[in-house]
Amino acid sequence: MPARVLVFGRQGQVARALAERSDFDLRFAGHDRLDLASPNADVAGLIEAESPALVINAAAYTAVDRAESEPAACAQLNREAPRRIAEICAAADIPFVHFSTDYVFDGRKGAPYVEADPRNPLGVYGRTKAEGEAALEALWARGARGAVARSSWIFSPGGPGFLQTMLRLAREREEVGVVDDQRGCPTSAETAAEAAVALGRRLLDRDSAGQGLFHAAGADAMTWADFAEAIFAASRERGGPSARVRRIATVEYPTPAARPPDARLASTRLEGLGDWRGPPFAEALSRCMRRLELS
């Protein structure tokens, strides 16, 4: 009988990717069922009612720019909620997998980040995610079973995200200005979901190899402008919208929150376990585009 898995989050890209799996008995707790944005959310009651073998947290505050003016709301979802979930799971000896982000780094290393690199976020979003990670590490030190999967630049057929924004802009204009001095590893939501499943299975088996911090990102690094060009090329091949990319600098597109200029993630630790890999970007993008309605 498949293990029962409680997933916090329902409408996000990774939660939707998890929903497509049939190897677990998945139960979802979206905003309509439990509002993690509220400090009074009855997390303990829900976990007790569902009695899961594993808990995955795919809920987060992801509005990077808005977070600068809503730090308390961001901290509630990215620090307080995962800490509370993890505490309840630890007390019940339930393994817990949580998603985090490349934004916990400042992007100044000049090489792909590994899990042992020090966190140094640039903005509220990254800081609250880093604080959430630290809270879980403190619980692990006391014997809790858990893992954090850091990912980056998530894309999926359902969105919303960068892919959908580029396709919308291509329908509206012939040329799109896209930042060309920020680098990262685009990651399909499917790839991130598979990482959570791989880590969850090991935690269920009490395999210590699945414990701790992991990077779970796509295999190839690029700039946002590179990403946009790949999207438009794939869209053209399928008769969808396309536009020219005008490569611009970050200073030409100011935003409230600073972004790490080079937040590449090395996923070698997770790949070394042998049951997960970050697929080549072209393969992941092609799989995603085949599921899109491009007309």
C-alpha atoms as a PDB file:
ATOM      1  CA  MET A   1       0.000   0.000   0.000  1.00  0.00           C
ATOM      2  CA  PRO A   2       1.501   3.399  -0.937  1.00  0.00           C
ATOM      3  CA  ALA A   3       2.782   5.528   1.915  1.00  0.00           C
ATOM      4  CA  ARG A   4       0.525   8.420   2.855  1.00  0.00           C
ATOM      5  CA  VAL A   5       2.207  11.762   2.201  1.00  0.00           C
ATOM      6  CA  LEU A   6       0.848  15.097   3.387  1.00  0.00           C
ATOM      7  CA  VAL A   7       1.879  17.978   1.107  1.00  0.00           C
ATOM      8  CA  PHE A   8       1.551  21.551   2.313  1.00  0.00           C
ATOM      9  CA  GLY A   9       0.761  23.733  -0.690  1.00  0.00           C
ATOM     10  CA  ARG A  10      -1.469  22.931  -3.642  1.00  0.00           C
ATOM     11  CA  GLN A  11      -1.386  25.593  -6.364  1.00  0.00           C
ATOM     12  CA  GLY A  12       2.355  26.176  -6.660  1.00  0.00           C
ATOM     13  CA  GLN A  13       4.375  24.705  -9.506  1.00  0.00           C
ATOM     14  CA  VAL A  14       6.129  22.025  -7.432  1.00  0.00           C
ATOM     15  CA  ALA A  15       2.940  21.032  -5.598  1.00  0.00           C
ATOM     16  CA  ARG A  16       1.214  20.562  -8.952  1.00  0.00           C
ATOM     17  CA  ALA A  17       4.092  18.403 -10.152  1.00  0.00           C
ATOM     18  CA  LEU A  18       3.823  16.291  -7.011  1.00  0.00           C
ATOM     19  CA  ALA A  19       0.093  15.886  -7.626  1.00  0.00           C
ATOM     20  CA  GLU A  20       0.838  14.058 -10.870  1.00  0.00           C
ATOM     21  CA  ARG A  21       2.637  11.239  -9.087  1.00  0.00           C
ATOM     22  CA  SER A  22       0.868   7.979  -8.292  1.00  0.00           C
ATOM     23  CA  ASP A  23       3.532   6.236  -6.213  1.00  0.00           C
ATOM     24  CA  PHE A  24       2.294   7.808  -2.945  1.00  0.00           C
ATOM     25  CA  ASP A  25      -1.079   8.285  -1.308  1.00  0.00           C
ATOM     26  CA  LEU A  26      -0.915  12.067  -1.582  1.00  0.00           C
ATOM     27  CA  ARG A  27      -3.007  14.373   0.582  1.00  0.00           C
ATOM     28  CA  PHE A  28      -2.767  18.114  -0.110  1.00  0.00           C
ATOM     29  CA  ALA A  29      -3.252  21.007   2.273  1.00  0.00           C
ATOM     30  CA  GLY A  30      -3.653  24.120   0.174  1.00  0.00           C
ATOM     31  CA  HIS A  31      -4.577  27.604   1.307  1.00  0.00           C
ATOM     32  CA  ASP A  32      -8.273  26.715   1.245  1.00  0.00           C
ATOM     33  CA  ARG A  33      -7.700  23.919   3.742  1.00  0.00           C
ATOM     34  CA  LEU A  34      -5.077  25.448   6.040  1.00  0.00           C
ATOM     35  CA  ASP A  35      -3.806  29.020   5.917  1.00  0.00           C
ATOM     36  CA  LEU A  36      -0.119  28.768   6.791  1.00  0.00           C
ATOM     37  CA  ALA A  37       0.060  32.558   6.519  1.00  0.00           C
ATOM     38  CA  SER A  38      -1.783  32.660   9.844  1.00  0.00           C
ATOM     39  CA  PRO A  39       0.259  32.091  13.019  1.00  0.00           C
ATOM     40  CA  ASN A  40      -2.814  30.364  14.441  1.00  0.00           C
ATOM     41  CA  ALA A  41      -3.119  27.732  11.724  1.00  0.00           C
ATOM     42  CA  ASP A  42      -3.838  24.340  13.300  1.00  0.00           C
ATOM     43  CA  VAL A  43      -0.902  22.516  11.787  1.00  0.00           C
ATOM     44  CA  ALA A  44      -0.807  19.931  14.575  1.00  0.00           C
ATOM     45  CA  GLY A  45      -4.487  19.123  14.161  1.00  0.00           C
ATOM     46  CA  LEU A  46      -4.131  18.556  10.430  1.00  0.00           C
ATOM     47  CA  ILE A  47      -1.079  16.330  10.777  1.00  0.00           C
ATOM     48  CA  GLU A  48      -2.800  14.314  13.492  1.00  0.00           C
ATOM     49  CA  ALA A  49      -5.927  13.942  11.344  1.00  0.00           C
ATOM     50  CA  GLU A  50      -4.028  12.802   8.249  1.00  0.00           C
ATOM     51  CA  SER A  51      -1.506  10.621  10.127  1.00  0.00           C
ATOM     52  CA  PRO A  52       1.040  10.759   7.269  1.00  0.00           C
ATOM     53  CA  ALA A  53       4.178   8.676   6.966  1.00  0.00           C
ATOM     54  CA  LEU A  54       5.951  11.639   5.337  1.00  0.00           C
ATOM     55  CA  VAL A  55       5.353  15.394   5.130  1.00  0.00           C
ATOM     56  CA  ILE A  56       6.513  17.614   2.259  1.00  0.00           C
ATOM     57  CA  ASN A  57       6.313  21.396   2.407  1.00  0.00           C
ATOM     58  CA  ALA A  58       5.819  22.956  -1.028  1.00  0.00           C
ATOM     59  CA  ALA A  59       4.194  26.125   0.343  1.00  0.00           C
ATOM     60  CA  ALA A  60       6.165  29.369   0.413  1.00  0.00           C
ATOM     61  CA  TYR A  61       6.062  33.121   0.048  1.00  0.00           C
ATOM     62  CA  THR A  62       7.702  33.564  -3.356  1.00  0.00           C
ATOM     63  CA  ALA A  63       6.922  37.175  -4.323  1.00  0.00           C
ATOM     64  CA  VAL A  64      10.560  38.243  -4.122  1.00  0.00           C
ATOM     65  CA  ASP A  65      10.005  41.961  -4.685  1.00  0.00           C
ATOM     66  CA  ARG A  66       6.844  42.290  -2.607  1.00  0.00           C
ATOM     67  CA  ALA A  67       8.664  40.608   0.266  1.00  0.00           C
ATOM     68  CA  GLU A  68      10.732  43.760   0.728  1.00  0.00           C
ATOM     69  CA  SER A  69       7.599  45.594   1.884  1.00  0.00           C
ATOM     70  CA  GLU A  70       5.962  42.574   3.563  1.00  0.00           C
ATOM     71  CA  PRO A  71       8.768  41.077   5.680  1.00  0.00           C
ATOM     72  CA  ALA A  72       6.470  39.761   8.414  1.00  0.00           C
ATOM     73  CA  ALA A  73       4.204  37.918   5.975  1.00  0.00           C
ATOM     74  CA  CYS A  74       7.228  36.510   4.179  1.00  0.00           C
ATOM     75  CA  ALA A  75       8.795  35.332   7.439  1.00  0.00           C
ATOM     76  CA  GLN A  76       5.586  33.635   8.529  1.00  0.00           C
ATOM     77  CA  LEU A  77       5.458  31.422   5.438  1.00  0.00           C
ATOM     78  CA  ASN A  78       9.177  30.889   4.874  1.00  0.00           C
ATOM     79  CA  ARG A  79      10.490  30.638   8.445  1.00  0.00           C
ATOM     80  CA  GLU A  80       7.748  30.208  11.036  1.00  0.00           C
ATOM     81  CA  ALA A  81       5.471  27.782   9.170  1.00  0.00           C
ATOM     82  CA  PRO A  82       8.192  25.297   8.164  1.00  0.00           C
ATOM     83  CA  ARG A  83       9.692  25.465  11.651  1.00  0.00           C
ATOM     84  CA  ARG A  84       6.294  24.680  13.190  1.00  0.00           C
ATOM     85  CA  ILE A  85       5.644  21.835  10.754  1.00  0.00           C
ATOM     86  CA  ALA A  86       9.107  20.411  11.422  1.00  0.00           C
ATOM     87  CA  GLU A  87       8.660  20.590  15.202  1.00  0.00           C
ATOM     88  CA  ILE A  88       5.376  18.698  15.023  1.00  0.00           C
ATOM     89  CA  CYS A  89       6.851  16.123  12.656  1.00  0.00           C
ATOM     90  CA  ALA A  90       9.885  15.665  14.916  1.00  0.00           C
ATOM     91  CA  ALA A  91       7.683  15.056  17.953  1.00  0.00           C
ATOM     92  CA  ALA A  92       5.770  12.372  16.021  1.00  0.00           C
ATOM     93  CA  ASP A  93       8.905  10.912  14.363  1.00  0.00           C
ATOM     94  CA  ILE A  94       7.595  11.802  10.897  1.00  0.00           C
ATOM     95  CA  PRO A  95      10.223  12.671   8.269  1.00  0.00           C
ATOM     96  CA  PHE A  96       9.899  16.122   6.724  1.00  0.00           C
ATOM     97  CA  VAL A  97      11.112  17.401   3.323  1.00  0.00           C
ATOM     98  CA  HIS A  98      11.186  21.151   2.734  1.00  0.00           C
ATOM     99  CA  PHE A  99      11.973  23.193  -0.379  1.00  0.00           C
ATOM    100  CA  SER A 100      14.361  26.114  -0.355  1.00  0.00           C
ATOM    101  CA  THR A 101      16.088  28.356  -2.862  1.00  0.00           C
ATOM    102  CA  ASP A 102      19.307  29.570  -4.421  1.00  0.00           C
ATOM    103  CA  TYR A 103      18.444  33.026  -3.021  1.00  0.00           C
ATOM    104  CA  VAL A 104      19.982  31.986   0.315  1.00  0.00           C
ATOM    105  CA  PHE A 105      23.307  32.868  -1.380  1.00  0.00           C
ATOM    106  CA  ASP A 106      24.635  36.262  -2.436  1.00  0.00           C
ATOM    107  CA  GLY A 107      25.827  35.056  -5.852  1.00  0.00           C
ATOM    108  CA  ARG A 108      29.381  36.328  -5.434  1.00  0.00           C
ATOM    109  CA  LYS A 109      31.237  33.034  -5.126  1.00  0.00           C
ATOM    110  CA  GLY A 110      32.130  32.885  -8.809  1.00  0.00           C
ATOM    111  CA  ALA A 111      31.523  29.125  -8.976  1.00  0.00           C
ATOM    112  CA  PRO A 112      28.571  26.794  -8.423  1.00  0.00           C
ATOM    113  CA  TYR A 113      27.448  26.666  -4.810  1.00  0.00           C
ATOM    114  CA  VAL A 114      27.622  23.473  -2.772  1.00  0.00           C
ATOM    115  CA  GLU A 115      25.592  22.702   0.317  1.00  0.00           C
ATOM    116  CA  ALA A 116      28.418  23.582   2.732  1.00  0.00           C
ATOM    117  CA  ASP A 117      28.806  27.138   1.411  1.00  0.00           C
ATOM    118  CA  PRO A 118      27.771  29.816   3.929  1.00  0.00           C
ATOM    119  CA  ARG A 119      24.387  31.427   3.478  1.00  0.00           C
ATOM    120  CA  ASN A 120      24.412  35.157   2.795  1.00  0.00           C
ATOM    121  CA  PRO A 121      21.077  36.281   1.322  1.00  0.00           C
ATOM    122  CA  LEU A 122      20.622  39.696  -0.261  1.00  0.00           C
ATOM    123  CA  GLY A 123      16.936  40.347   0.456  1.00  0.00           C
ATOM    124  CA  VAL A 124      13.970  39.525   2.654  1.00  0.00           C
ATOM    125  CA  TYR A 125      12.876  36.492   0.624  1.00  0.00           C
ATOM    126  CA  GLY A 126      16.315  34.877   0.718  1.00  0.00           C
ATOM    127  CA  ARG A 127      16.830  35.778   4.367  1.00  0.00           C
ATOM    128  CA  THR A 128      13.572  34.188   5.501  1.00  0.00           C
ATOM    129  CA  LYS A 129      14.300  31.037   3.507  1.00  0.00           C
ATOM    130  CA  ALA A 130      17.781  30.891   5.064  1.00  0.00           C
ATOM    131  CA  GLU A 131      16.279  31.303   8.531  1.00  0.00           C
ATOM    132  CA  GLY A 132      13.845  28.505   7.779  1.00  0.00           C
ATOM    133  CA  GLU A 133      16.733  26.244   6.813  1.00  0.00           C
ATOM    134  CA  ALA A 134      18.606  27.099  10.017  1.00  0.00           C
ATOM    135  CA  ALA A 135      15.554  26.248  12.127  1.00  0.00           C
ATOM    136  CA  LEU A 136      15.357  22.813  10.515  1.00  0.00           C
ATOM    137  CA  GLU A 137      19.082  22.207  10.982  1.00  0.00           C
ATOM    138  CA  ALA A 138      18.649  22.873  14.709  1.00  0.00           C
ATOM    139  CA  LEU A 139      15.981  20.174  14.847  1.00  0.00           C
ATOM    140  CA  TRP A 140      18.135  17.735  12.883  1.00  0.00           C
ATOM    141  CA  ALA A 141      20.865  18.226  15.470  1.00  0.00           C
ATOM    142  CA  ARG A 142      18.404  16.913  18.053  1.00  0.00           C
ATOM    143  CA  GLY A 143      17.581  13.803  16.016  1.00  0.00           C
ATOM    144  CA  ALA A 144      14.715  14.865  13.735  1.00  0.00           C
ATOM    145  CA  ARG A 145      14.501  13.207  10.339  1.00  0.00           C
ATOM    146  CA  GLY A 146      14.424  15.715   7.497  1.00  0.00           C
ATOM    147  CA  ALA A 147      15.871  17.161   4.324  1.00  0.00           C
ATOM    148  CA  VAL A 148      15.925  20.474   2.488  1.00  0.00           C
ATOM    149  CA  ALA A 149      15.960  20.507  -1.304  1.00  0.00           C
ATOM    150  CA  ARG A 150      17.273  23.816  -2.646  1.00  0.00           C
ATOM    151  CA  SER A 151      16.191  24.546  -6.185  1.00  0.00           C
ATOM    152  CA  SER A 152      16.242  27.505  -8.555  1.00  0.00           C
ATOM    153  CA  TRP A 153      14.444  29.203 -11.464  1.00  0.00           C
ATOM    154  CA  ILE A 154      11.478  26.817 -11.371  1.00  0.00           C
ATOM    155  CA  PHE A 155       9.444  26.400 -14.557  1.00  0.00           C
ATOM    156  CA  SER A 156       6.480  24.215 -15.473  1.00  0.00           C
ATOM    157  CA  PRO A 157       3.615  24.002 -17.979  1.00  0.00           C
ATOM    158  CA  GLY A 158       1.175  25.382 -15.425  1.00  0.00           C
ATOM    159  CA  GLY A 159       3.146  28.329 -14.083  1.00  0.00           C
ATOM    160  CA  PRO A 160       2.865  31.095 -13.296  1.00  0.00           C
ATOM    161  CA  GLY A 161       6.515  31.847 -13.840  1.00  0.00           C
ATOM    162  CA  PHE A 162       9.197  33.179 -16.146  1.00  0.00           C
ATOM    163  CA  LEU A 163       8.218  30.857 -18.988  1.00  0.00           C
ATOM    164  CA  GLN A 164       4.611  32.052 -19.031  1.00  0.00           C
ATOM    165  CA  THR A 165       5.715  35.693 -18.719  1.00  0.00           C
ATOM    166  CA  MET A 166       7.997  35.386 -21.742  1.00  0.00           C
ATOM    167  CA  LEU A 167       5.295  33.768 -23.865  1.00  0.00           C
ATOM    168  CA  ARG A 168       2.801  36.463 -22.870  1.00  0.00           C
ATOM    169  CA  LEU A 169       5.258  39.226 -23.767  1.00  0.00           C
ATOM    170  CA  ALA A 170       6.016  37.528 -27.096  1.00  0.00           C
ATOM    171  CA  ARG A 171       2.329  37.807 -27.965  1.00  0.00           C
ATOM    172  CA  GLU A 172       2.422  41.536 -27.214  1.00  0.00           C
ATOM    173  CA  ARG A 173       5.688  42.729 -28.739  1.00  0.00           C
ATOM    174  CA  GLU A 174       8.434  41.871 -31.192  1.00  0.00           C
ATOM    175  CA  GLU A 175      11.342  42.444 -28.816  1.00  0.00           C
ATOM    176  CA  VAL A 176      11.737  41.705 -25.111  1.00  0.00           C
ATOM    177  CA  GLY A 177      14.499  43.077 -22.886  1.00  0.00           C
ATOM    178  CA  VAL A 178      15.852  40.350 -20.591  1.00  0.00           C
ATOM    179  CA  VAL A 179      18.603  40.517 -17.978  1.00  0.00           C
ATOM    180  CA  ASP A 180      21.857  38.966 -19.148  1.00  0.00           C
ATOM    181  CA  ASP A 181      24.120  39.375 -16.109  1.00  0.00           C
ATOM    182  CA  GLN A 182      22.380  37.029 -13.649  1.00  0.00           C
ATOM    183  CA  ARG A 183      23.159  33.307 -13.884  1.00  0.00           C
ATOM    184  CA  GLY A 184      21.316  30.333 -12.493  1.00  0.00           C
ATOM    185  CA  CYS A 185      20.151  26.788 -13.196  1.00  0.00           C
ATOM    186  CA  PRO A 186      16.595  26.613 -14.579  1.00  0.00           C
ATOM    187  CA  THR A 187      14.813  23.687 -12.939  1.00  0.00           C
ATOM    188  CA  SER A 188      11.586  22.060 -14.011  1.00  0.00           C
ATOM    189  CA  ALA A 189       8.999  21.621 -11.280  1.00  0.00           C
ATOM    190  CA  GLU A 190       8.952  17.941 -12.182  1.00  0.00           C
ATOM    191  CA  THR A 191      12.679  17.702 -11.431  1.00  0.00           C
ATOM    192  CA  ALA A 192      12.235  19.392  -8.044  1.00  0.00           C
ATOM    193  CA  ALA A 193       9.307  17.127  -7.182  1.00  0.00           C
ATOM    194  CA  GLU A 194      11.347  14.055  -8.065  1.00  0.00           C
ATOM    195  CA  ALA A 195      14.064  15.235  -5.681  1.00  0.00           C
ATOM    196  CA  ALA A 196      11.580  15.487  -2.824  1.00  0.00           C
ATOM    197  CA  VAL A 197      10.300  11.998  -3.581  1.00  0.00           C
ATOM    198  CA  ALA A 198      13.826  10.538  -3.707  1.00  0.00           C
ATOM    199  CA  LEU A 199      14.768  12.142  -0.394  1.00  0.00           C
ATOM    200  CA  GLY A 200      11.436  11.223   1.174  1.00  0.00           C
ATOM    201  CA  ARG A 201      11.877   7.563   0.286  1.00  0.00           C
ATOM    202  CA  ARG A 202      15.270   7.464   1.958  1.00  0.00           C
ATOM    203  CA  LEU A 203      13.962   9.191   5.068  1.00  0.00           C
ATOM    204  CA  LEU A 204      11.081   6.724   5.243  1.00  0.00           C
ATOM    205  CA  ASP A 205      13.657   3.929   5.126  1.00  0.00           C
ATOM    206  CA  ARG A 206      15.650   5.674   7.879  1.00  0.00           C
ATOM    207  CA  ASP A 207      18.562   5.972   5.476  1.00  0.00           C
ATOM    208  CA  SER A 208      20.834   8.714   6.795  1.00  0.00           C
ATOM    209  CA  ALA A 209      22.042   9.416   3.245  1.00  0.00           C
ATOM    210  CA  GLY A 210      18.760  11.262   2.663  1.00  0.00           C
ATOM    211  CA  GLN A 211      19.230  13.555   5.654  1.00  0.00           C
ATOM    212  CA  GLY A 212      20.273  17.216   5.491  1.00  0.00           C
ATOM    213  CA  LEU A 213      20.767  19.904   2.854  1.00  0.00           C
ATOM    214  CA  PHE A 214      20.691  19.061  -0.847  1.00  0.00           C
ATOM    215  CA  HIS A 215      20.800  21.009  -4.083  1.00  0.00           C
ATOM    216  CA  ALA A 216      18.223  19.840  -6.617  1.00  0.00           C
ATOM    217  CA  ALA A 217      18.657  22.040  -9.671  1.00  0.00           C
ATOM    218  CA  GLY A 218      18.721  21.639 -13.422  1.00  0.00           C
ATOM    219  CA  ALA A 219      21.964  20.435 -14.955  1.00  0.00           C
ATOM    220  CA  ASP A 220      22.748  23.516 -17.061  1.00  0.00           C
ATOM    221  CA  ALA A 221      23.524  27.099 -16.076  1.00  0.00           C
ATOM    222  CA  MET A 222      22.574  30.182 -18.097  1.00  0.00           C
ATOM    223  CA  THR A 223      21.408  33.759 -17.864  1.00  0.00           C
ATOM    224  CA  TRP A 224      17.801  34.901 -17.921  1.00  0.00           C
ATOM    225  CA  ALA A 225      18.362  36.102 -21.485  1.00  0.00           C
ATOM    226  CA  ASP A 226      19.627  32.646 -22.489  1.00  0.00           C
ATOM    227  CA  PHE A 227      16.572  31.118 -20.835  1.00  0.00           C
ATOM    228  CA  ALA A 228      14.263  33.464 -22.748  1.00  0.00           C
ATOM    229  CA  GLU A 229      15.895  32.680 -26.100  1.00  0.00           C
ATOM    230  CA  ALA A 230      15.525  28.954 -25.447  1.00  0.00           C
ATOM    231  CA  ILE A 231      11.842  29.429 -24.613  1.00  0.00           C
ATOM    232  CA  PHE A 232      11.211  31.407 -27.802  1.00  0.00           C
ATOM    233  CA  ALA A 233      13.076  28.880 -29.935  1.00  0.00           C
ATOM    234  CA  ALA A 234      11.086  25.991 -28.476  1.00  0.00           C
ATOM    235  CA  SER A 235       7.859  27.945 -28.929  1.00  0.00           C
ATOM    236  CA  ARG A 236       8.630  28.725 -32.596  1.00  0.00           C
ATOM    237  CA  GLU A 237       9.207  25.045 -33.295  1.00  0.00           C
ATOM    238  CA  ARG A 238       5.664  24.367 -32.121  1.00  0.00           C
ATOM    239  CA  GLY A 239       4.052  27.276 -33.938  1.00  0.00           C
ATOM    240  CA  GLY A 240       3.799  29.400 -30.811  1.00  0.00           C
ATOM    241  CA  PRO A 241       4.712  33.033 -30.065  1.00  0.00           C
ATOM    242  CA  SER A 242       8.288  34.255 -30.279  1.00  0.00           C
ATOM    243  CA  ALA A 243      10.222  37.497 -29.924  1.00  0.00           C
ATOM    244  CA  ARG A 244      13.727  38.880 -30.254  1.00  0.00           C
ATOM    245  CA  VAL A 245      15.686  39.064 -27.015  1.00  0.00           C
ATOM    246  CA  ARG A 246      17.433  42.333 -26.195  1.00  0.00           C
ATOM    247  CA  ARG A 247      20.092  41.514 -23.639  1.00  0.00           C
ATOM    248  CA  ILE A 248      20.190  44.083 -20.847  1.00  0.00           C
ATOM    249  CA  ALA A 249      22.076  44.629 -17.588  1.00  0.00           C
ATOM    250  CA  THR A 250      20.456  44.347 -14.168  1.00  0.00           C
ATOM    251  CA  VAL A 251      20.839  48.115 -13.692  1.00  0.00           C
ATOM    252  CA  GLU A 252      18.530  48.623 -16.685  1.00  0.00           C
ATOM    253  CA  TYR A 253      15.768  46.657 -14.950  1.00  0.00           C
ATOM    254  CA  PRO A 254      15.754  47.838 -11.310  1.00  0.00           C
ATOM    255  CA  THR A 255      13.689  45.858  -8.827  1.00  0.00           C
ATOM    256  CA  PRO A 256      12.923  46.367  -5.111  1.00  0.00           C
ATOM    257  CA  ALA A 257      14.845  43.196  -4.180  1.00  0.00           C
ATOM    258  CA  ALA A 258      18.440  42.504  -5.130  1.00  0.00           C
ATOM    259  CA  ARG A 259      19.068  39.227  -6.962  1.00  0.00           C
ATOM    260  CA  PRO A 260      22.190  37.068  -6.642  1.00  0.00           C
ATOM    261  CA  PRO A 261      24.220  37.633  -9.824  1.00  0.00           C
ATOM    262  CA  ASP A 262      25.540  34.065 -10.010  1.00  0.00           C
ATOM    263  CA  ALA A 263      23.518  31.544  -8.013  1.00  0.00           C
ATOM    264  CA  ARG A 264      24.435  28.351  -9.834  1.00  0.00           C
ATOM    265  CA  LEU A 265      23.830  25.255  -7.709  1.00  0.00           C
ATOM    266  CA  ALA A 266      25.914  22.086  -7.875  1.00  0.00           C
ATOM    267  CA  SER A 267      23.631  19.094  -7.312  1.00  0.00           C
ATOM    268  CA  THR A 268      26.381  16.481  -7.103  1.00  0.00           C
ATOM    269  CA  ARG A 269      25.528  15.402  -3.546  1.00  0.00           C
ATOM    270  CA  LEU A 270      21.972  14.424  -4.465  1.00  0.00           C
ATOM    271  CA  GLU A 271      23.033  12.913  -7.791  1.00  0.00           C
ATOM    272  CA  GLY A 272      25.574  10.830  -5.897  1.00  0.00           C
ATOM    273  CA  LEU A 273      22.778   8.960  -4.132  1.00  0.00           C
ATOM    274  CA  GLY A 274      21.941   7.353  -7.471  1.00  0.00           C
ATOM    275  CA  ASP A 275      18.164   7.789  -7.551  1.00  0.00           C
ATOM    276  CA  TRP A 276      17.876  11.356  -8.875  1.00  0.00           C
ATOM    277  CA  ARG A 277      19.539  13.471 -11.537  1.00  0.00           C
ATOM    278  CA  GLY A 278      19.148  16.986 -12.816  1.00  0.00           C
ATOM    279  CA  PRO A 279      18.220  16.463 -16.495  1.00  0.00           C
ATOM    280  CA  PRO A 280      19.780  18.523 -19.276  1.00  0.00           C
ATOM    281  CA  PHE A 281      17.946  21.814 -19.669  1.00  0.00           C
ATOM    282  CA  ALA A 282      16.966  21.156 -23.294  1.00  0.00           C
ATOM    283  CA  GLU A 283      15.351  17.858 -22.323  1.00  0.00           C
ATOM    284  CA  ALA A 284      13.397  19.368 -19.429  1.00  0.00           C
ATOM    285  CA  LEU A 285      12.257  22.383 -21.450  1.00  0.00           C
ATOM    286  CA  SER A 286      11.143  20.214 -24.370  1.00  0.00           C
ATOM    287  CA  ARG A 287       9.098  18.014 -22.049  1.00  0.00           C
ATOM    288  CA  CYS A 288       7.491  21.084 -20.536  1.00  0.00           C
ATOM    289  CA  MET A 289       6.731  22.785 -23.881  1.00  0.00           C
ATOM    290  CA  ARG A 290       5.032  19.681 -25.253  1.00  0.00           C
ATOM    291  CA  ARG A 291       2.378  20.114 -22.574  1.00  0.00           C
ATOM    292  CA  LEU A 292       1.706  23.790 -23.255  1.00  0.00           C
ATOM    293  CA  GLU A 293      -1.074  25.270 -25.321  1.00  0.00           C
ATOM    294  CA  LEU A 294       0.846  27.744 -27.488  1.00  0.00           C
ATOM    295  CA  SER A 295      -1.846  29.108 -29.783  1.00  0.00           C
END
